[in-house]
Structures are given as C-alpha cells and as structure tokens.
Full PDB file with SEQRES, HELIX, SHEET, SSBOND, CRYST1, ORIGX, SCALE, CONECT and MASTER records, all heavy atoms in Angstrom:
SEQRES   1 A   36  PHE ILE GLU ASP LEU ALA ALA MET ARG LEU ALA PHE GLU          
SEQRES   2 A   36  PRO GLU ALA ALA ALA LEU ALA ALA ARG ARG ALA THR PRO          
SEQRES   3 A   36  GLU ASP ILE ALA ARG LEU HIS ALA ILE VAL                      
HELIX    1 AA1 ILE A    2  ARG A   23  1                                  22    
HELIX    2 AA2 PRO A   26  ILE A   35  1                                  10    
CRYST1    1.000    1.000    1.000  90.00  90.00  90.00 P 1           1          
ORIGX1      1.000000  0.000000  0.000000        0.00000                         
ORIGX2      0.000000  1.000000  0.000000        0.00000                         
ORIGX3      0.000000  0.000000  1.000000        0.00000                         
SCALE1      1.000000  0.000000  0.000000        0.00000                         
SCALE2      0.000000  1.000000  0.000000        0.00000                         
SCALE3      0.000000  0.000000  1.000000        0.00000                         
ATOM      1  N   PHE A   1     103.318  88.656 123.576  1.00  0.00           N  
ATOM      2  CA  PHE A   1     103.175  90.035 123.067  1.00  0.00           C  
ATOM      3  C   PHE A   1     104.494  90.473 122.450  1.00  0.00           C  
ATOM      4  O   PHE A   1     104.571  91.086 121.378  1.00  0.00           O  
ATOM      5  CB  PHE A   1     102.701  90.951 124.162  1.00  0.00           C  
ATOM      6  CG  PHE A   1     102.568  92.400 123.722  1.00  0.00           C  
ATOM      7  CD1 PHE A   1     101.537  92.756 122.879  1.00  0.00           C  
ATOM      8  CD2 PHE A   1     103.481  93.381 124.061  1.00  0.00           C  
ATOM      9  CE1 PHE A   1     101.370  94.104 122.426  1.00  0.00           C  
ATOM     10  CE2 PHE A   1     103.371  94.661 123.645  1.00  0.00           C  
ATOM     11  CZ  PHE A   1     102.324  95.056 122.858  1.00  0.00           C  
ATOM     12  N   ILE A   2     105.558  90.192 123.151  1.00  0.00           N  
ATOM     13  CA  ILE A   2     106.901  90.590 122.707  1.00  0.00           C  
ATOM     14  C   ILE A   2     107.254  89.901 121.400  1.00  0.00           C  
ATOM     15  O   ILE A   2     107.770  90.462 120.450  1.00  0.00           O  
ATOM     16  CB  ILE A   2     107.993  90.359 123.755  1.00  0.00           C  
ATOM     17  CG1 ILE A   2     107.716  91.289 124.954  1.00  0.00           C  
ATOM     18  CG2 ILE A   2     109.396  90.537 123.214  1.00  0.00           C  
ATOM     19  CD1 ILE A   2     108.582  90.931 126.184  1.00  0.00           C  
ATOM     20  N   GLU A   3     106.961  88.613 121.292  1.00  0.00           N  
ATOM     21  CA  GLU A   3     107.225  87.828 120.065  1.00  0.00           C  
ATOM     22  C   GLU A   3     106.399  88.369 118.926  1.00  0.00           C  
ATOM     23  O   GLU A   3     106.884  88.472 117.788  1.00  0.00           O  
ATOM     24  CB  GLU A   3     106.932  86.382 120.329  1.00  0.00           C  
ATOM     25  CG  GLU A   3     107.925  85.668 121.240  1.00  0.00           C  
ATOM     26  CD  GLU A   3     107.559  84.195 121.480  1.00  0.00           C  
ATOM     27  OE1 GLU A   3     106.392  83.832 121.195  1.00  0.00           O  
ATOM     28  OE2 GLU A   3     108.463  83.460 121.994  1.00  0.00           O  
ATOM     29  N   ASP A   4     105.128  88.655 119.161  1.00  0.00           N  
ATOM     30  CA  ASP A   4     104.252  89.116 118.113  1.00  0.00           C  
ATOM     31  C   ASP A   4     104.730  90.493 117.580  1.00  0.00           C  
ATOM     32  O   ASP A   4     104.711  90.766 116.369  1.00  0.00           O  
ATOM     33  CB  ASP A   4     102.812  89.253 118.603  1.00  0.00           C  
ATOM     34  CG  ASP A   4     102.164  87.873 118.763  1.00  0.00           C  
ATOM     35  OD1 ASP A   4     102.708  86.921 118.280  1.00  0.00           O  
ATOM     36  OD2 ASP A   4     101.146  87.835 119.530  1.00  0.00           O  
ATOM     37  N   LEU A   5     105.154  91.350 118.507  1.00  0.00           N  
ATOM     38  CA  LEU A   5     105.657  92.651 118.104  1.00  0.00           C  
ATOM     39  C   LEU A   5     106.967  92.585 117.283  1.00  0.00           C  
ATOM     40  O   LEU A   5     107.082  93.249 116.273  1.00  0.00           O  
ATOM     41  CB  LEU A   5     105.921  93.477 119.430  1.00  0.00           C  
ATOM     42  CG  LEU A   5     106.350  94.968 119.212  1.00  0.00           C  
ATOM     43  CD1 LEU A   5     105.294  95.746 118.398  1.00  0.00           C  
ATOM     44  CD2 LEU A   5     106.573  95.604 120.576  1.00  0.00           C  
ATOM     45  N   ALA A   6     107.851  91.666 117.718  1.00  0.00           N  
ATOM     46  CA  ALA A   6     109.079  91.474 116.924  1.00  0.00           C  
ATOM     47  C   ALA A   6     108.760  90.939 115.550  1.00  0.00           C  
ATOM     48  O   ALA A   6     109.409  91.355 114.590  1.00  0.00           O  
ATOM     49  CB  ALA A   6     110.025  90.555 117.672  1.00  0.00           C  
ATOM     50  N   ALA A   7     107.797  90.030 115.447  1.00  0.00           N  
ATOM     51  CA  ALA A   7     107.439  89.456 114.138  1.00  0.00           C  
ATOM     52  C   ALA A   7     106.865  90.537 113.205  1.00  0.00           C  
ATOM     53  O   ALA A   7     107.186  90.559 112.013  1.00  0.00           O  
ATOM     54  CB  ALA A   7     106.362  88.348 114.347  1.00  0.00           C  
ATOM     55  N   MET A   8     106.130  91.468 113.739  1.00  0.00           N  
ATOM     56  CA  MET A   8     105.600  92.530 112.903  1.00  0.00           C  
ATOM     57  C   MET A   8     106.757  93.460 112.433  1.00  0.00           C  
ATOM     58  O   MET A   8     106.790  93.873 111.269  1.00  0.00           O  
ATOM     59  CB  MET A   8     104.583  93.360 113.697  1.00  0.00           C  
ATOM     60  CG  MET A   8     103.163  92.740 113.743  1.00  0.00           C  
ATOM     61  SD  MET A   8     102.450  92.540 112.101  1.00  0.00           S  
ATOM     62  CE  MET A   8     102.249  94.320 111.640  1.00  0.00           C  
ATOM     63  N   ARG A   9     107.648  93.743 113.353  1.00  0.00           N  
ATOM     64  CA  ARG A   9     108.820  94.529 112.904  1.00  0.00           C  
ATOM     65  C   ARG A   9     109.638  93.912 111.845  1.00  0.00           C  
ATOM     66  O   ARG A   9     110.066  94.567 110.886  1.00  0.00           O  
ATOM     67  CB  ARG A   9     109.658  94.878 114.115  1.00  0.00           C  
ATOM     68  CG  ARG A   9     108.997  95.780 115.136  1.00  0.00           C  
ATOM     69  CD  ARG A   9     109.980  96.186 116.209  1.00  0.00           C  
ATOM     70  NE  ARG A   9     111.093  97.052 115.697  1.00  0.00           N  
ATOM     71  CZ  ARG A   9     112.225  97.325 116.328  1.00  0.00           C  
ATOM     72  NH1 ARG A   9     112.436  96.825 117.540  1.00  0.00           N  
ATOM     73  NH2 ARG A   9     113.124  98.118 115.781  1.00  0.00           N  
ATOM     74  N   LEU A  10     109.806  92.570 111.998  1.00  0.00           N  
ATOM     75  CA  LEU A  10     110.594  91.821 111.024  1.00  0.00           C  
ATOM     76  C   LEU A  10     109.932  91.802 109.660  1.00  0.00           C  
ATOM     77  O   LEU A  10     110.602  91.645 108.607  1.00  0.00           O  
ATOM     78  CB  LEU A  10     110.884  90.402 111.544  1.00  0.00           C  
ATOM     79  CG  LEU A  10     111.914  90.281 112.662  1.00  0.00           C  
ATOM     80  CD1 LEU A  10     111.887  88.902 113.273  1.00  0.00           C  
ATOM     81  CD2 LEU A  10     113.304  90.618 112.148  1.00  0.00           C  
ATOM     82  N   ALA A  11     108.631  91.910 109.652  1.00  0.00           N  
ATOM     83  CA  ALA A  11     107.893  91.887 108.358  1.00  0.00           C  
ATOM     84  C   ALA A  11     108.011  93.219 107.609  1.00  0.00           C  
ATOM     85  O   ALA A  11     107.884  93.237 106.401  1.00  0.00           O  
ATOM     86  CB  ALA A  11     106.395  91.610 108.649  1.00  0.00           C  
ATOM     87  N   PHE A  12     108.363  94.258 108.330  1.00  0.00           N  
ATOM     88  CA  PHE A  12     108.412  95.589 107.678  1.00  0.00           C  
ATOM     89  C   PHE A  12     109.769  96.220 107.608  1.00  0.00           C  
ATOM     90  O   PHE A  12     110.209  96.648 106.526  1.00  0.00           O  
ATOM     91  CB  PHE A  12     107.482  96.603 108.449  1.00  0.00           C  
ATOM     92  CG  PHE A  12     106.036  96.373 108.226  1.00  0.00           C  
ATOM     93  CD1 PHE A  12     105.299  95.657 109.141  1.00  0.00           C  
ATOM     94  CD2 PHE A  12     105.350  96.898 107.082  1.00  0.00           C  
ATOM     95  CE1 PHE A  12     103.909  95.427 108.911  1.00  0.00           C  
ATOM     96  CE2 PHE A  12     103.998  96.678 106.891  1.00  0.00           C  
ATOM     97  CZ  PHE A  12     103.282  95.938 107.844  1.00  0.00           C  
ATOM     98  N   GLU A  13     110.495  96.260 108.764  1.00  0.00           N  
ATOM     99  CA  GLU A  13     111.691  97.056 108.769  1.00  0.00           C  
ATOM    100  C   GLU A  13     112.861  96.599 107.887  1.00  0.00           C  
ATOM    101  O   GLU A  13     113.581  97.422 107.307  1.00  0.00           O  
ATOM    102  CB  GLU A  13     112.135  97.210 110.248  1.00  0.00           C  
ATOM    103  CG  GLU A  13     111.223  98.125 111.046  1.00  0.00           C  
ATOM    104  CD  GLU A  13     111.844  98.497 112.352  1.00  0.00           C  
ATOM    105  OE1 GLU A  13     112.658  99.372 112.374  1.00  0.00           O  
ATOM    106  OE2 GLU A  13     111.477  97.884 113.372  1.00  0.00           O  
ATOM    107  N   PRO A  14     113.128  95.278 107.809  1.00  0.00           N  
ATOM    108  CA  PRO A  14     114.214  94.876 106.862  1.00  0.00           C  
ATOM    109  C   PRO A  14     113.855  95.344 105.421  1.00  0.00           C  
ATOM    110  O   PRO A  14     114.827  95.704 104.689  1.00  0.00           O  
ATOM    111  CB  PRO A  14     114.206  93.334 107.003  1.00  0.00           C  
ATOM    112  CG  PRO A  14     113.727  93.094 108.383  1.00  0.00           C  
ATOM    113  CD  PRO A  14     112.624  94.110 108.620  1.00  0.00           C  
ATOM    114  N   GLU A  15     112.658  95.271 105.051  1.00  0.00           N  
ATOM    115  CA  GLU A  15     112.317  95.748 103.679  1.00  0.00           C  
ATOM    116  C   GLU A  15     112.419  97.259 103.522  1.00  0.00           C  
ATOM    117  O   GLU A  15     112.782  97.808 102.498  1.00  0.00           O  
ATOM    118  CB  GLU A  15     110.877  95.335 103.324  1.00  0.00           C  
ATOM    119  CG  GLU A  15     110.714  93.822 103.170  1.00  0.00           C  
ATOM    120  CD  GLU A  15     111.766  93.216 102.249  1.00  0.00           C  
ATOM    121  OE1 GLU A  15     111.942  93.773 101.163  1.00  0.00           O  
ATOM    122  OE2 GLU A  15     112.424  92.222 102.597  1.00  0.00           O  
ATOM    123  N   ALA A  16     112.154  97.959 104.639  1.00  0.00           N  
ATOM    124  CA  ALA A  16     112.341  99.414 104.611  1.00  0.00           C  
ATOM    125  C   ALA A  16     113.806  99.716 104.457  1.00  0.00           C  
ATOM    126  O   ALA A  16     114.178 100.655 103.714  1.00  0.00           O  
ATOM    127  CB  ALA A  16     111.856 100.017 105.930  1.00  0.00           C  
ATOM    128  N   ALA A  17     114.672  98.984 105.095  1.00  0.00           N  
ATOM    129  CA  ALA A  17     116.117  99.195 104.962  1.00  0.00           C  
ATOM    130  C   ALA A  17     116.579  98.873 103.523  1.00  0.00           C  
ATOM    131  O   ALA A  17     117.425  99.616 102.980  1.00  0.00           O  
ATOM    132  CB  ALA A  17     116.871  98.325 105.942  1.00  0.00           C  
ATOM    133  N   ALA A  18     116.035  97.821 102.936  1.00  0.00           N  
ATOM    134  CA  ALA A  18     116.375  97.477 101.531  1.00  0.00           C  
ATOM    135  C   ALA A  18     115.928  98.632 100.574  1.00  0.00           C  
ATOM    136  O   ALA A  18     116.660  98.936  99.701  1.00  0.00           O  
ATOM    137  CB  ALA A  18     115.734  96.182 101.218  1.00  0.00           C  
ATOM    138  N   LEU A  19     114.711  99.132 100.813  1.00  0.00           N  
ATOM    139  CA  LEU A  19     114.274 100.231 100.000  1.00  0.00           C  
ATOM    140  C   LEU A  19     115.144 101.470 100.215  1.00  0.00           C  
ATOM    141  O   LEU A  19     115.388 102.244  99.243  1.00  0.00           O  
ATOM    142  CB  LEU A  19     112.781 100.560 100.328  1.00  0.00           C  
ATOM    143  CG  LEU A  19     111.755  99.561  99.810  1.00  0.00           C  
ATOM    144  CD1 LEU A  19     110.382  99.921 100.345  1.00  0.00           C  
ATOM    145  CD2 LEU A  19     111.718  99.611  98.258  1.00  0.00           C  
ATOM    146  N   ALA A  20     115.576 101.688 101.453  1.00  0.00           N  
ATOM    147  CA  ALA A  20     116.436 102.871 101.692  1.00  0.00           C  
ATOM    148  C   ALA A  20     117.747 102.689 100.916  1.00  0.00           C  
ATOM    149  O   ALA A  20     118.248 103.716 100.446  1.00  0.00           O  
ATOM    150  CB  ALA A  20     116.682 102.936 103.192  1.00  0.00           C  
ATOM    151  N   ALA A  21     118.286 101.481 100.885  1.00  0.00           N  
ATOM    152  CA  ALA A  21     119.513 101.292 100.080  1.00  0.00           C  
ATOM    153  C   ALA A  21     119.349 101.583  98.645  1.00  0.00           C  
ATOM    154  O   ALA A  21     120.255 101.987  97.963  1.00  0.00           O  
ATOM    155  CB  ALA A  21     119.957  99.806 100.287  1.00  0.00           C  
ATOM    156  N   ARG A  22     118.098 101.446  98.121  1.00  0.00           N  
ATOM    157  CA  ARG A  22     117.812 101.714  96.722  1.00  0.00           C  
ATOM    158  C   ARG A  22     117.563 103.175  96.478  1.00  0.00           C  
ATOM    159  O   ARG A  22     117.858 103.684  95.396  1.00  0.00           O  
ATOM    160  CB  ARG A  22     116.590 100.877  96.292  1.00  0.00           C  
ATOM    161  CG  ARG A  22     116.307 100.909  94.836  1.00  0.00           C  
ATOM    162  CD  ARG A  22     114.964 100.179  94.507  1.00  0.00           C  
ATOM    163  NE  ARG A  22     114.895  98.906  95.159  1.00  0.00           N  
ATOM    164  CZ  ARG A  22     113.800  98.135  95.239  1.00  0.00           C  
ATOM    165  NH1 ARG A  22     112.672  98.602  94.746  1.00  0.00           N  
ATOM    166  NH2 ARG A  22     113.859  96.952  95.844  1.00  0.00           N  
ATOM    167  N   ARG A  23     117.058 103.903  97.459  1.00  0.00           N  
ATOM    168  CA  ARG A  23     116.535 105.215  97.237  1.00  0.00           C  
ATOM    169  C   ARG A  23     117.202 106.378  97.977  1.00  0.00           C  
ATOM    170  O   ARG A  23     116.854 107.529  97.829  1.00  0.00           O  
ATOM    171  CB  ARG A  23     115.007 105.252  97.566  1.00  0.00           C  
ATOM    172  CG  ARG A  23     114.203 104.234  96.732  1.00  0.00           C  
ATOM    173  CD  ARG A  23     112.776 104.161  97.267  1.00  0.00           C  
ATOM    174  NE  ARG A  23     111.963 103.288  96.396  1.00  0.00           N  
ATOM    175  CZ  ARG A  23     110.712 102.900  96.641  1.00  0.00           C  
ATOM    176  NH1 ARG A  23     110.118 103.317  97.738  1.00  0.00           N  
ATOM    177  NH2 ARG A  23     110.075 102.145  95.723  1.00  0.00           N  
ATOM    178  N   ALA A  24     118.185 106.021  98.838  1.00  0.00           N  
ATOM    179  CA  ALA A  24     118.734 107.042  99.707  1.00  0.00           C  
ATOM    180  C   ALA A  24     119.498 108.147  98.919  1.00  0.00           C  
ATOM    181  O   ALA A  24     120.182 107.833  97.925  1.00  0.00           O  
ATOM    182  CB  ALA A  24     119.729 106.414 100.697  1.00  0.00           C  
ATOM    183  N   THR A  25     119.339 109.335  99.332  1.00  0.00           N  
ATOM    184  CA  THR A  25     120.081 110.450  98.801  1.00  0.00           C  
ATOM    185  C   THR A  25     121.322 110.764  99.686  1.00  0.00           C  
ATOM    186  O   THR A  25     121.346 110.291 100.833  1.00  0.00           O  
ATOM    187  CB  THR A  25     119.220 111.720  98.712  1.00  0.00           C  
ATOM    188  OG1 THR A  25     118.920 112.137 100.043  1.00  0.00           O  
ATOM    189  CG2 THR A  25     117.906 111.472  97.928  1.00  0.00           C  
ATOM    190  N   PRO A  26     122.246 111.539  99.254  1.00  0.00           N  
ATOM    191  CA  PRO A  26     123.362 111.892 100.072  1.00  0.00           C  
ATOM    192  C   PRO A  26     122.879 112.598 101.383  1.00  0.00           C  
ATOM    193  O   PRO A  26     123.526 112.381 102.438  1.00  0.00           O  
ATOM    194  CB  PRO A  26     124.191 112.883  99.223  1.00  0.00           C  
ATOM    195  CG  PRO A  26     123.914 112.433  97.840  1.00  0.00           C  
ATOM    196  CD  PRO A  26     122.452 112.019  97.845  1.00  0.00           C  
ATOM    197  N   GLU A  27     121.800 113.361 101.311  1.00  0.00           N  
ATOM    198  CA  GLU A  27     121.265 113.986 102.516  1.00  0.00           C  
ATOM    199  C   GLU A  27     120.776 112.969 103.499  1.00  0.00           C  
ATOM    200  O   GLU A  27     120.941 113.069 104.751  1.00  0.00           O  
ATOM    201  CB  GLU A  27     120.180 114.957 102.120  1.00  0.00           C  
ATOM    202  CG  GLU A  27     120.663 116.226 101.396  1.00  0.00           C  
ATOM    203  CD  GLU A  27     120.982 115.930  99.925  1.00  0.00           C  
ATOM    204  OE1 GLU A  27     120.550 114.855  99.362  1.00  0.00           O  
ATOM    205  OE2 GLU A  27     121.705 116.785  99.325  1.00  0.00           O  
ATOM    206  N   ASP A  28     120.092 111.938 102.981  1.00  0.00           N  
ATOM    207  CA  ASP A  28     119.592 110.798 103.833  1.00  0.00           C  
ATOM    208  C   ASP A  28     120.775 110.142 104.503  1.00  0.00           C  
ATOM    209  O   ASP A  28     120.659 109.864 105.734  1.00  0.00           O  
ATOM    210  CB  ASP A  28     118.815 109.795 102.973  1.00  0.00           C  
ATOM    211  CG  ASP A  28     117.541 110.329 102.364  1.00  0.00           C  
ATOM    212  OD1 ASP A  28     116.888 111.134 103.027  1.00  0.00           O  
ATOM    213  OD2 ASP A  28     117.201 109.885 101.270  1.00  0.00           O  
ATOM    214  N   ILE A  29     121.792 109.871 103.793  1.00  0.00           N  
ATOM    215  CA  ILE A  29     122.950 109.170 104.380  1.00  0.00           C  
ATOM    216  C   ILE A  29     123.618 109.992 105.508  1.00  0.00           C  
ATOM    217  O   ILE A  29     123.961 109.527 106.530  1.00  0.00           O  
ATOM    218  CB  ILE A  29     124.022 108.833 103.303  1.00  0.00           C  
ATOM    219  CG1 ILE A  29     123.412 107.880 102.208  1.00  0.00           C  
ATOM    220  CG2 ILE A  29     125.255 108.223 103.922  1.00  0.00           C  
ATOM    221  CD1 ILE A  29     122.950 106.539 102.798  1.00  0.00           C  
ATOM    222  N   ALA A  30     123.696 111.267 105.234  1.00  0.00           N  
ATOM    223  CA  ALA A  30     124.276 112.187 106.254  1.00  0.00           C  
ATOM    224  C   ALA A  30     123.463 112.185 107.473  1.00  0.00           C  
ATOM    225  O   ALA A  30     123.932 112.205 108.642  1.00  0.00           O  
ATOM    226  CB  ALA A  30     124.383 113.574 105.667  1.00  0.00           C  
ATOM    227  N   ARG A  31     122.115 112.211 107.333  1.00  0.00           N  
ATOM    228  CA  ARG A  31     121.186 112.191 108.464  1.00  0.00           C  
ATOM    229  C   ARG A  31     121.368 110.945 109.289  1.00  0.00           C  
ATOM    230  O   ARG A  31     121.462 110.962 110.498  1.00  0.00           O  
ATOM    231  CB  ARG A  31     119.739 112.321 107.945  1.00  0.00           C  
ATOM    232  CG  ARG A  31     118.683 112.181 109.051  1.00  0.00           C  
ATOM    233  CD  ARG A  31     117.271 112.096 108.406  1.00  0.00           C  
ATOM    234  NE  ARG A  31     116.246 111.951 109.451  1.00  0.00           N  
ATOM    235  CZ  ARG A  31     114.983 111.681 109.209  1.00  0.00           C  
ATOM    236  NH1 ARG A  31     114.573 111.523 107.922  1.00  0.00           N  
ATOM    237  NH2 ARG A  31     114.125 111.542 110.194  1.00  0.00           N  
ATOM    238  N   LEU A  32     121.494 109.781 108.577  1.00  0.00           N  
ATOM    239  CA  LEU A  32     121.628 108.485 109.253  1.00  0.00           C  
ATOM    240  C   LEU A  32     122.949 108.391 110.066  1.00  0.00           C  
ATOM    241  O   LEU A  32     122.996 107.916 111.166  1.00  0.00           O  
ATOM    242  CB  LEU A  32     121.491 107.350 108.287  1.00  0.00           C  
ATOM    243  CG  LEU A  32     120.084 107.113 107.710  1.00  0.00           C  
ATOM    244  CD1 LEU A  32     120.119 106.104 106.513  1.00  0.00           C  
ATOM    245  CD2 LEU A  32     119.099 106.632 108.781  1.00  0.00           C  
ATOM    246  N   HIS A  33     124.017 108.840 109.411  1.00  0.00           N  
ATOM    247  CA  HIS A  33     125.327 108.848 110.090  1.00  0.00           C  
ATOM    248  C   HIS A  33     125.254 109.739 111.373  1.00  0.00           C  
ATOM    249  O   HIS A  33     125.820 109.375 112.378  1.00  0.00           O  
ATOM    250  CB  HIS A  33     126.409 109.323 109.134  1.00  0.00           C  
ATOM    251  CG  HIS A  33     126.963 108.248 108.241  1.00  0.00           C  
ATOM    252  ND1 HIS A  33     127.543 107.089 108.726  1.00  0.00           N  
ATOM    253  CD2 HIS A  33     127.024 108.167 106.874  1.00  0.00           C  
ATOM    254  CE1 HIS A  33     127.967 106.386 107.760  1.00  0.00           C  
ATOM    255  NE2 HIS A  33     127.662 106.941 106.589  1.00  0.00           N  
ATOM    256  N   ALA A  34     124.621 110.885 111.223  1.00  0.00           N  
ATOM    257  CA  ALA A  34     124.551 111.785 112.383  1.00  0.00           C  
ATOM    258  C   ALA A  34     123.751 111.120 113.543  1.00  0.00           C  
ATOM    259  O   ALA A  34     124.188 111.261 114.713  1.00  0.00           O  
ATOM    260  CB  ALA A  34     123.882 113.085 112.002  1.00  0.00           C  
ATOM    261  N   ILE A  35     122.718 110.402 113.211  1.00  0.00           N  
ATOM    262  CA  ILE A  35     121.946 109.756 114.291  1.00  0.00           C  
ATOM    263  C   ILE A  35     122.758 108.652 114.935  1.00  0.00           C  
ATOM    264  O   ILE A  35     122.733 108.520 116.155  1.00  0.00           O  
ATOM    265  CB  ILE A  35     120.616 109.224 113.706  1.00  0.00           C  
ATOM    266  CG1 ILE A  35     119.713 110.381 113.212  1.00  0.00           C  
ATOM    267  CG2 ILE A  35     119.859 108.407 114.834  1.00  0.00           C  
ATOM    268  CD1 ILE A  35     118.457 109.874 112.516  1.00  0.00           C  
ATOM    269  N   VAL A  36     123.480 107.903 114.128  1.00  0.00           N  
ATOM    270  CA  VAL A  36     124.334 106.800 114.728  1.00  0.00           C  
ATOM    271  C   VAL A  36     125.379 107.417 115.590  1.00  0.00           C  
ATOM    272  O   VAL A  36     125.681 106.873 116.649  1.00  0.00           O  
ATOM    273  CB  VAL A  36     124.882 105.952 113.579  1.00  0.00           C  
ATOM    274  CG1 VAL A  36     125.887 104.922 114.233  1.00  0.00           C  
ATOM    275  CG2 VAL A  36     123.781 105.129 112.912  1.00  0.00           C  
TER     276      VAL A  36                                                      
MASTER        0    0    0    2    0    0    0    6  275    1    0    3          
END                                                                             
C-alpha cells in the first residue's frame, strides 16, 4: 500500500512542481516561502 501510494504521488506531484515553476506569481512564491 505504501509503495502504491508513493507511485501515485510520483505520477502527479513532480509535474505539479514543474507547472508551478512555469506559472507561479510573486504572490505564490511568497506563500511557498512562508510555508517553508
């Protein structure tokens, strides 16, 4: 179950991060820095 869950995350989240790199606004970046 843990392996299957990780595989699903790997199928989506790296691409979400790549899209974020393409589309992020200054407000988005500020939000992410604050969360980190």
